[in-house]
Amino acid sequence: MAISAQMESKPVLVHVAFAVLCLFATALARNGLQVWLEMSQTSEQSSNLWLIPLISAFLIFERRHAIFANTRFTPTALLLFPFGLLIDAVSLSTHLSLSESDAAVLAIVGFWITVMGAFIACYGKAAWSQAKFPLGFLLFAVPMPQVILDPIVRWLQHGSAAVVNSLFVLLHVSFLRDGLDFYLSGLTIAIAPECSGIRSSYALLVLTVLLSHLTLRTTWHRVVLVLAVVPLVLLKNGIRIVTLCLLTLHVDRSVITGPLHHQGGFVFFGLALFVEGALCWLLQRSEVRERSRSLLSNRNSNRVAGSLRCSS
């Protein structure tokens, strides 16, 4: 009790304690964190994983007054600390024969658990309740293990191929299809894993989750916005592939090997992000209308209740 009262009365001491615990966890997970930094530059999933902690830190800083308004030392949360350290130890175990990427995934998960335990222990459940989104957002920085990533990439390939097939039919383009291979007049394309758009799809998912949290209030509106990413990434990939094919066939044969193919993904990503932004705006308008109807209904109910009291 004395420690709890002392920690609550000295917020600077609480921050120092949290920083020390985080530094301790960082030192123990340093090998996994180093691999994670390297993976964040070259990962199939995303080349900007390192941005996630910065976004999370900004969100916490922006809500710092609400998060740290009512801190309370909660020593029981420190039980998460050894659990996270155990996961870090498993990631370093050589007899498990883990690949470097899978070991890094385990190390980052263990590190996240230790940080969560340190946060709840130092600041309490009320602070966690206010900070659960930015702290949970950190999970987007965890690289997907290949056993999960590979099926997602294959699903994106086949989904994109289905969209390409439909667009070719819609545009009356003559073609033959063999699985992921398309044979056009004078052009053959194969939707390889590199064409799955996994990086841009993951980036769109992360930005959409962030956008839904910042702009929408109701859970079901947020769910609708996030679920819209699924068909949108397939449509984006399909439109990109069809556009490259048609430009190659009818404008310039070098398009298929030029910069629009290899560096032009941001154009189609921007279009997808625009669609998500437009959908978010529509959902916001829907929320405003619902709140207005709710306020009007409450006012009418209050008027009726007032009239009944007067008549009685």
Protein backbone atom coordinates (compact mmCIF):
# COMPACT_ATOMS: atom_id res chain seq x y z
CA MET A 1 0.00 0.00 0.00
CA ALA A 2 2.84 2.37 0.82
CA ILE A 3 4.50 1.67 -2.53
CA SER A 4 1.20 2.21 -4.31
CA ALA A 5 0.58 5.55 -2.60
CA GLN A 6 4.13 6.68 -3.32
CA MET A 7 3.87 5.76 -7.00
CA GLU A 8 0.51 7.52 -7.37
CA SER A 9 1.83 10.69 -5.75
CA LYS A 10 4.92 10.89 -7.95
CA PRO A 11 3.99 10.64 -11.65
CA VAL A 12 7.57 11.27 -12.73
CA LEU A 13 8.66 8.25 -10.71
CA VAL A 14 6.00 6.17 -12.47
CA HIS A 15 7.30 7.20 -15.90
CA VAL A 16 10.87 6.38 -14.84
CA ALA A 17 9.79 2.96 -13.56
CA PHE A 18 7.99 2.22 -16.83
CA ALA A 19 11.01 3.34 -18.87
CA VAL A 20 13.34 1.12 -16.81
CA LEU A 21 11.10 -1.91 -17.30
CA CYS A 22 10.89 -1.23 -21.05
CA LEU A 23 14.68 -0.87 -21.30
CA PHE A 24 15.09 -4.16 -19.44
CA ALA A 25 12.68 -5.88 -21.84
CA THR A 26 14.47 -4.29 -24.82
CA ALA A 27 17.85 -5.56 -23.61
CA LEU A 28 16.52 -9.12 -23.30
CA ALA A 29 14.81 -9.04 -26.72
CA ARG A 30 17.58 -7.13 -28.50
CA ASN A 31 18.42 -9.96 -30.93
CA GLY A 32 14.81 -10.30 -32.05
CA LEU A 33 14.40 -6.53 -32.26
CA GLN A 34 17.49 -6.27 -34.46
CA VAL A 35 16.10 -8.89 -36.84
CA TRP A 36 12.75 -7.06 -36.76
CA LEU A 37 14.44 -3.80 -37.80
CA GLU A 38 16.03 -5.59 -40.74
CA MET A 39 12.74 -7.27 -41.67
CA SER A 40 10.91 -3.93 -41.51
CA GLN A 41 12.97 -2.84 -44.51
CA THR A 42 12.60 -5.98 -46.62
CA SER A 43 9.50 -7.83 -45.38
CA GLU A 44 7.00 -9.14 -47.93
CA GLN A 45 4.27 -7.97 -45.56
CA SER A 46 5.40 -4.34 -45.31
CA SER A 47 8.58 -2.31 -45.64
CA ASN A 48 7.34 0.27 -43.12
CA LEU A 49 6.75 -1.81 -39.98
CA TRP A 50 9.02 0.58 -38.07
CA LEU A 51 6.43 3.35 -38.54
CA ILE A 52 3.84 1.52 -36.40
CA PRO A 53 5.55 2.23 -33.02
CA LEU A 54 5.93 5.90 -34.01
CA ILE A 55 2.21 6.17 -34.82
CA SER A 56 1.34 4.42 -31.56
CA ALA A 57 3.59 6.77 -29.58
CA PHE A 58 1.96 9.79 -31.25
CA LEU A 59 -1.54 8.52 -30.40
CA ILE A 60 -0.53 8.05 -26.76
CA PHE A 61 1.03 11.52 -26.66
CA GLU A 62 -2.10 13.05 -28.17
CA ARG A 63 -4.30 11.42 -25.49
CA ARG A 64 -1.78 11.73 -22.67
CA HIS A 65 -4.06 13.84 -20.45
CA ALA A 66 -6.89 11.29 -20.58
CA ILE A 67 -4.56 8.28 -20.34
CA PHE A 68 -2.53 9.46 -17.36
CA ALA A 69 -5.31 11.32 -15.55
CA ASN A 70 -5.94 8.47 -13.10
CA THR A 71 -2.89 6.24 -12.72
CA ARG A 72 -2.72 3.49 -10.13
CA PHE A 73 0.11 1.09 -9.40
CA THR A 74 -1.10 -2.45 -10.16
CA PRO A 75 1.59 -4.95 -9.14
CA THR A 76 -0.43 -8.03 -10.22
CA ALA A 77 0.04 -6.98 -13.87
CA LEU A 78 3.75 -7.68 -13.45
CA LEU A 79 2.82 -11.35 -13.88
CA LEU A 80 2.69 -10.60 -17.60
CA PHE A 81 6.33 -9.57 -17.47
CA PRO A 82 7.87 -13.04 -16.87
CA PHE A 83 5.40 -14.53 -19.37
CA GLY A 84 6.68 -12.19 -22.07
CA LEU A 85 10.28 -12.88 -21.08
CA LEU A 86 9.59 -16.61 -21.37
CA ILE A 87 8.41 -16.12 -24.96
CA ASP A 88 11.59 -14.13 -25.66
CA ALA A 89 13.64 -16.98 -24.23
CA VAL A 90 11.81 -19.47 -26.44
CA SER A 91 12.59 -17.33 -29.50
CA LEU A 92 16.29 -17.59 -28.66
CA SER A 93 16.18 -21.36 -28.11
CA THR A 94 18.37 -23.10 -30.68
CA HIS A 95 16.97 -26.63 -30.28
CA LEU A 96 13.55 -25.51 -31.64
CA SER A 97 15.14 -24.89 -35.06
CA LEU A 98 13.11 -21.75 -35.69
CA SER A 99 13.82 -19.70 -38.78
CA GLU A 100 15.22 -16.23 -38.21
CA SER A 101 11.94 -14.59 -39.21
CA ASP A 102 9.79 -16.84 -36.98
CA ALA A 103 12.16 -16.27 -34.05
CA ALA A 104 11.79 -12.53 -34.62
CA VAL A 105 7.99 -12.87 -34.58
CA LEU A 106 8.11 -14.66 -31.23
CA ALA A 107 10.56 -12.11 -29.84
CA ILE A 108 8.34 -9.17 -30.85
CA VAL A 109 5.23 -10.84 -29.37
CA GLY A 110 7.10 -11.48 -26.13
CA PHE A 111 8.39 -7.91 -26.09
CA TRP A 112 4.86 -6.57 -26.64
CA ILE A 113 3.51 -8.65 -23.74
CA THR A 114 6.23 -7.41 -21.39
CA VAL A 115 5.55 -3.80 -22.38
CA MET A 116 1.81 -4.30 -21.79
CA GLY A 117 2.52 -5.81 -18.38
CA ALA A 118 4.82 -2.93 -17.49
CA PHE A 119 2.26 -0.37 -18.65
CA ILE A 120 -0.65 -1.84 -16.67
CA ALA A 121 1.55 -2.35 -13.61
CA CYS A 122 2.80 1.24 -13.61
CA TYR A 123 -0.36 3.08 -14.72
CA GLY A 124 -3.29 0.80 -13.90
CA LYS A 125 -6.37 -0.54 -15.67
CA ALA A 126 -7.97 2.91 -16.13
CA ALA A 127 -4.93 4.11 -18.10
CA TRP A 128 -4.95 0.85 -20.10
CA SER A 129 -8.62 1.37 -20.96
CA GLN A 130 -7.78 4.81 -22.40
CA ALA A 131 -4.64 3.61 -24.21
CA LYS A 132 -5.78 0.19 -25.43
CA PHE A 133 -6.10 1.25 -29.08
CA PRO A 134 -2.59 2.76 -29.52
CA LEU A 135 -1.07 -0.11 -27.51
CA GLY A 136 -3.07 -2.69 -29.45
CA PHE A 137 -2.11 -0.91 -32.68
CA LEU A 138 1.48 -2.01 -31.97
CA LEU A 139 0.47 -5.53 -33.00
CA PHE A 140 0.49 -4.34 -36.62
CA ALA A 141 4.27 -4.10 -36.20
CA VAL A 142 4.52 -7.86 -35.63
CA PRO A 143 5.67 -9.55 -38.85
CA MET A 144 3.43 -12.38 -40.01
CA PRO A 145 5.09 -15.82 -39.91
CA GLN A 146 5.40 -17.45 -43.32
CA VAL A 147 2.84 -20.10 -42.37
CA ILE A 148 0.24 -17.30 -42.24
CA LEU A 149 1.67 -14.96 -44.87
CA ASP A 150 1.93 -17.54 -47.67
CA PRO A 151 -1.81 -18.48 -47.69
CA ILE A 152 -2.74 -14.78 -47.65
CA VAL A 153 -0.49 -14.10 -50.64
CA ARG A 154 -1.98 -17.07 -52.52
CA TRP A 155 -5.51 -15.86 -51.73
CA LEU A 156 -4.61 -12.40 -53.06
CA GLN A 157 -3.18 -13.97 -56.21
CA HIS A 158 -6.27 -16.04 -56.95
CA GLY A 159 -8.66 -13.25 -55.94
CA SER A 160 -6.84 -10.80 -58.19
CA ALA A 161 -6.93 -13.34 -61.04
CA ALA A 162 -10.71 -13.65 -60.64
CA VAL A 163 -11.07 -9.85 -60.84
CA VAL A 164 -8.78 -9.69 -63.91
CA ASN A 165 -10.86 -12.40 -65.55
CA SER A 166 -14.09 -10.48 -64.90
CA LEU A 167 -12.63 -7.18 -66.15
CA PHE A 168 -11.35 -8.77 -69.35
CA VAL A 169 -14.80 -10.22 -69.99
CA LEU A 170 -16.45 -6.89 -69.21
CA LEU A 171 -14.11 -5.03 -71.56
CA HIS A 172 -14.45 -7.68 -74.30
CA VAL A 173 -10.74 -8.50 -74.29
CA SER A 174 -9.90 -11.82 -75.95
CA PHE A 175 -7.87 -14.06 -73.64
CA LEU A 176 -7.23 -17.58 -72.47
CA ARG A 177 -6.74 -18.40 -68.82
CA ASP A 178 -4.83 -21.22 -67.16
CA GLY A 179 -5.01 -20.73 -63.40
CA LEU A 180 -2.93 -17.65 -62.65
CA ASP A 181 -1.67 -17.31 -66.25
CA PHE A 182 -3.44 -15.20 -68.86
CA TYR A 183 -2.72 -15.45 -72.58
CA LEU A 184 -3.64 -12.42 -74.66
CA SER A 185 -2.89 -11.58 -78.27
CA GLY A 186 0.88 -11.10 -78.23
CA LEU A 187 1.15 -10.96 -74.43
CA THR A 188 1.34 -13.53 -71.65
CA ILE A 189 1.05 -12.52 -68.00
CA ALA A 190 1.41 -14.53 -64.82
CA ILE A 191 0.06 -13.25 -61.52
CA ALA A 192 3.08 -14.05 -59.38
CA PRO A 193 3.36 -13.56 -55.60
CA GLU A 194 5.00 -10.22 -56.33
CA CYS A 195 1.77 -9.19 -58.08
CA SER A 196 -0.40 -10.03 -55.08
CA GLY A 197 -0.09 -6.49 -53.70
CA ILE A 198 0.48 -7.77 -50.16
CA ARG A 199 2.47 -4.69 -49.10
CA SER A 200 -0.02 -2.13 -50.36
CA SER A 201 -2.90 -4.25 -49.07
CA TYR A 202 -1.40 -4.39 -45.59
CA ALA A 203 -0.67 -0.65 -45.66
CA LEU A 204 -4.27 0.03 -46.70
CA LEU A 205 -5.55 -2.17 -43.86
CA VAL A 206 -3.40 -0.38 -41.28
CA LEU A 207 -4.41 3.09 -42.51
CA THR A 208 -8.08 2.08 -42.61
CA VAL A 209 -8.01 0.81 -39.02
CA LEU A 210 -6.37 4.06 -37.96
CA LEU A 211 -8.86 6.14 -39.96
CA SER A 212 -11.84 4.27 -38.50
CA HIS A 213 -10.60 4.87 -34.96
CA LEU A 214 -9.98 8.58 -35.50
CA THR A 215 -13.13 9.48 -37.41
CA LEU A 216 -15.92 7.02 -36.58
CA ARG A 217 -17.73 6.47 -33.28
CA THR A 218 -19.87 3.36 -33.66
CA THR A 219 -18.34 -0.10 -33.75
CA TRP A 220 -20.39 -1.39 -36.68
CA HIS A 221 -19.40 1.58 -38.85
CA ARG A 222 -15.77 0.88 -38.07
CA VAL A 223 -16.23 -2.79 -38.93
CA VAL A 224 -17.88 -1.89 -42.26
CA LEU A 225 -14.99 0.42 -43.17
CA VAL A 226 -12.34 -2.17 -42.31
CA LEU A 227 -14.15 -5.03 -44.07
CA ALA A 228 -14.37 -2.89 -47.21
CA VAL A 229 -10.59 -3.30 -47.52
CA VAL A 230 -11.01 -6.95 -48.58
CA PRO A 231 -12.87 -6.44 -51.88
CA LEU A 232 -11.09 -3.16 -52.48
CA VAL A 233 -7.58 -4.64 -52.47
CA LEU A 234 -8.67 -7.32 -54.96
CA LEU A 235 -10.30 -4.72 -57.20
CA LYS A 236 -7.20 -2.51 -56.93
CA ASN A 237 -4.89 -5.36 -57.94
CA GLY A 238 -7.17 -6.40 -60.80
CA ILE A 239 -7.47 -2.86 -62.18
CA ARG A 240 -3.72 -2.41 -62.00
CA ILE A 241 -2.99 -5.63 -63.89
CA VAL A 242 -5.62 -4.96 -66.56
CA THR A 243 -4.44 -1.37 -67.01
CA LEU A 244 -0.84 -2.51 -67.52
CA CYS A 245 -1.96 -5.14 -70.03
CA LEU A 246 -4.10 -2.75 -72.08
CA LEU A 247 -1.41 -0.05 -72.10
CA THR A 248 1.15 -2.64 -73.22
CA LEU A 249 -1.07 -3.94 -76.01
CA HIS A 250 -2.39 -0.63 -77.32
CA VAL A 251 0.07 2.11 -76.31
CA ASP A 252 3.64 0.95 -75.67
CA ARG A 253 5.09 -2.56 -75.43
CA SER A 254 7.62 -1.35 -72.85
CA VAL A 255 4.94 -0.50 -70.29
CA ILE A 256 4.91 -4.05 -68.92
CA THR A 257 8.61 -3.77 -68.02
CA GLY A 258 8.72 -0.04 -67.29
CA PRO A 259 8.42 2.11 -64.16
CA LEU A 260 4.61 2.08 -64.17
CA HIS A 261 4.77 -1.66 -63.56
CA HIS A 262 7.49 -1.66 -60.93
CA GLN A 263 7.02 1.73 -59.19
CA GLY A 264 3.51 2.75 -60.21
CA GLY A 265 1.67 0.93 -57.46
CA PHE A 266 1.23 4.13 -55.46
CA VAL A 267 -1.18 5.44 -58.13
CA PHE A 268 -3.61 2.56 -57.62
CA PHE A 269 -3.00 2.59 -53.87
CA GLY A 270 -3.99 6.26 -53.87
CA LEU A 271 -7.21 5.43 -55.71
CA ALA A 272 -8.05 2.70 -53.18
CA LEU A 273 -7.30 5.06 -50.30
CA PHE A 274 -9.56 7.68 -51.91
CA VAL A 275 -12.41 5.16 -52.07
CA GLU A 276 -11.89 4.27 -48.41
CA GLY A 277 -11.90 7.97 -47.54
CA ALA A 278 -15.15 8.50 -49.46
CA LEU A 279 -16.76 5.53 -47.70
CA CYS A 280 -15.57 6.88 -44.35
CA TRP A 281 -17.19 10.25 -45.17
CA LEU A 282 -20.48 8.53 -45.99
CA LEU A 283 -20.36 6.57 -42.73
CA GLN A 284 -19.64 9.78 -40.83
CA ARG A 285 -22.68 11.41 -42.44
CA SER A 286 -24.73 8.38 -41.42
CA GLU A 287 -23.55 8.75 -37.82
CA VAL A 288 -24.45 12.44 -37.80
CA ARG A 289 -27.96 11.66 -39.07
CA GLU A 290 -28.40 8.92 -36.47
CA ARG A 291 -27.30 11.26 -33.66
CA SER A 292 -29.65 13.96 -34.92
CA ARG A 293 -32.59 11.55 -35.00
CA SER A 294 -31.68 10.33 -31.52
CA LEU A 295 -31.53 13.88 -30.13
CA LEU A 296 -34.85 14.76 -31.79
CA SER A 297 -36.46 11.62 -30.40
CA ASN A 298 -35.19 12.42 -26.89
CA ARG A 299 -36.51 15.98 -27.12
CA ASN A 300 -39.94 14.76 -28.23
CA SER A 301 -39.99 12.21 -25.41
CA ASN A 302 -39.10 14.93 -22.89
CA ARG A 303 -41.86 17.18 -24.24
CA VAL A 304 -44.43 14.41 -23.98
CA ALA A 305 -43.29 13.59 -20.46
CA GLY A 306 -43.52 17.29 -19.52
CA SER A 307 -47.01 17.58 -20.94
CA LEU A 308 -48.18 14.55 -18.98
CA ARG A 309 -46.79 15.98 -15.76
CA CYS A 310 -48.53 19.31 -16.38
CA SER A 311 -51.87 17.67 -17.16
CA SER A 312 -51.67 15.55 -14.03
